[in-house]
Amino acid sequence: MDSKELSTKPICLKTILGYEFYEYEEIIMFRANHNYSDVFIIDNNKPVKALYNLCTIERIFKSDSFFRCHKSYIINLKHVHRFKISERTLELRSGIIIPISKNKIKKFKELFLNTQ
């Protein structure tokens, strides 16, 4: 299955309460939280706690929309608002500011320019 087919199916996240389904566009980012991940969703004040670590999320939900910019973050490129090169940070449309690893900058530029 290619990434275009994956992005049309909803993402199914296993949580403490069961399974929750989201469209790719709804997910702002994933943040590592020990062996779990906090999932930030549009119009949701509290992150959803998914019972996956970031490595699992990166493998299962591979998509052109998602990018692991740091050991603790996977972002949805469609939610990026600003890239501050000097500070090595990304500002998302929601106002969240996250770091980008020095060794991920080149790949980020390539991916970001291809998603617009």
Protein backbone atom coordinates (compact mmCIF):
# COMPACT_ATOMS: atom_id res chain seq x y z
CA MET A 1 0.00 0.00 0.00
CA ASP A 2 1.48 3.36 -0.94
CA SER A 3 1.37 6.55 1.12
CA LYS A 4 -1.51 8.04 -0.94
CA GLU A 5 -3.70 5.06 -0.05
CA LEU A 6 -2.65 5.31 3.59
CA SER A 7 -3.56 8.98 3.85
CA THR A 8 -7.15 8.32 2.70
CA LYS A 9 -7.81 5.81 5.49
CA PRO A 10 -8.35 7.15 9.01
CA ILE A 11 -5.65 6.61 11.60
CA CYS A 12 -6.67 4.17 14.33
CA LEU A 13 -4.98 4.84 17.67
CA LYS A 14 -5.06 2.42 20.56
CA THR A 15 -5.67 4.35 23.79
CA ILE A 16 -6.45 3.50 27.39
CA LEU A 17 -10.17 3.80 26.61
CA GLY A 18 -10.05 1.66 23.45
CA TYR A 19 -9.54 2.70 19.82
CA GLU A 20 -9.96 6.21 18.45
CA PHE A 21 -10.08 7.17 14.78
CA TYR A 22 -8.73 10.40 13.25
CA GLU A 23 -8.13 11.75 9.77
CA TYR A 24 -4.51 12.54 8.92
CA GLU A 25 -5.32 16.26 8.66
CA GLU A 26 -6.69 16.32 12.23
CA ILE A 27 -3.39 15.26 13.78
CA ILE A 28 -1.03 18.13 14.53
CA MET A 29 1.84 16.12 16.01
CA PHE A 30 2.96 13.22 18.17
CA ARG A 31 5.19 13.78 21.23
CA ALA A 32 7.10 11.06 23.05
CA ASN A 33 5.89 10.37 26.58
CA HIS A 34 8.01 7.51 27.94
CA ASN A 35 6.68 4.32 26.26
CA TYR A 36 3.55 6.12 25.06
CA SER A 37 2.86 9.10 22.82
CA ASP A 38 0.83 12.24 23.28
CA VAL A 39 -1.20 12.93 20.15
CA PHE A 40 -2.17 16.55 19.55
CA ILE A 41 -5.44 16.87 17.64
CA ILE A 42 -7.08 19.96 16.10
CA ASP A 43 -9.78 21.42 18.37
CA ASN A 44 -8.77 19.22 21.30
CA ASN A 45 -7.43 20.97 24.40
CA LYS A 46 -5.78 17.88 25.88
CA PRO A 47 -3.53 15.51 23.97
CA VAL A 48 -4.73 11.95 23.47
CA LYS A 49 -2.46 9.34 25.06
CA ALA A 50 -1.71 6.64 22.50
CA LEU A 51 -0.34 3.30 23.64
CA TYR A 52 2.50 3.40 21.10
CA ASN A 53 6.02 4.78 21.27
CA LEU A 54 7.24 7.09 18.49
CA CYS A 55 9.15 4.34 16.67
CA THR A 56 5.94 2.35 16.32
CA ILE A 57 3.97 5.40 15.20
CA GLU A 58 6.64 6.24 12.65
CA ARG A 59 6.54 2.71 11.25
CA ILE A 60 2.77 2.12 11.25
CA PHE A 61 1.56 5.55 10.13
CA LYS A 62 4.18 6.22 7.47
CA SER A 63 2.97 9.05 5.28
CA ASP A 64 4.28 11.97 3.27
CA SER A 65 2.41 14.17 5.76
CA PHE A 66 4.35 13.08 8.84
CA PHE A 67 7.98 13.81 9.60
CA ARG A 68 10.11 12.90 12.59
CA CYS A 69 11.87 16.19 13.19
CA HIS A 70 13.38 15.28 16.57
CA LYS A 71 13.82 12.18 18.73
CA SER A 72 10.74 13.27 20.71
CA TYR A 73 8.47 14.63 17.96
CA ILE A 74 6.71 13.60 14.77
CA ILE A 75 4.90 16.48 13.10
CA ASN A 76 2.26 16.79 10.42
CA LEU A 77 3.92 18.95 7.74
CA LYS A 78 0.55 20.44 6.82
CA HIS A 79 0.45 22.18 10.20
CA VAL A 80 3.83 23.91 9.96
CA HIS A 81 3.58 27.68 10.04
CA ARG A 82 7.18 28.84 10.45
CA PHE A 83 10.70 27.42 10.42
CA LYS A 84 13.21 29.46 12.43
CA ILE A 85 16.59 28.40 11.08
CA SER A 86 18.71 30.27 13.65
CA GLU A 87 16.77 28.78 16.59
CA ARG A 88 16.27 25.39 14.91
CA THR A 89 12.59 25.40 15.84
CA LEU A 90 9.31 24.82 14.04
CA GLU A 91 6.20 26.79 14.87
CA LEU A 92 2.96 24.99 14.13
CA ARG A 93 -0.30 26.75 13.19
CA SER A 94 -1.61 26.00 16.67
CA GLY A 95 1.22 28.10 18.14
CA ILE A 96 3.19 25.13 19.46
CA ILE A 97 6.95 25.56 19.07
CA ILE A 98 9.08 22.43 18.82
CA PRO A 99 12.77 21.76 18.18
CA ILE A 100 14.15 20.31 14.97
CA SER A 101 17.33 18.25 15.16
CA LYS A 102 20.32 19.66 13.33
CA ASN A 103 20.67 16.50 11.26
CA LYS A 104 16.98 16.64 10.18
CA ILE A 105 17.01 20.15 8.69
CA LYS A 106 18.03 19.15 5.16
CA LYS A 107 15.41 16.38 4.95
CA PHE A 108 12.77 18.72 6.41
CA LYS A 109 13.41 21.30 3.71
CA GLU A 110 13.10 18.64 1.00
CA LEU A 111 9.86 17.22 2.41
CA PHE A 112 8.33 20.56 3.27
CA LEU A 113 8.86 22.01 -0.16
CA ASN A 114 7.25 18.91 -1.73
CA THR A 115 4.07 19.12 0.39
CA GLN A 116 3.08 22.66 -0.51
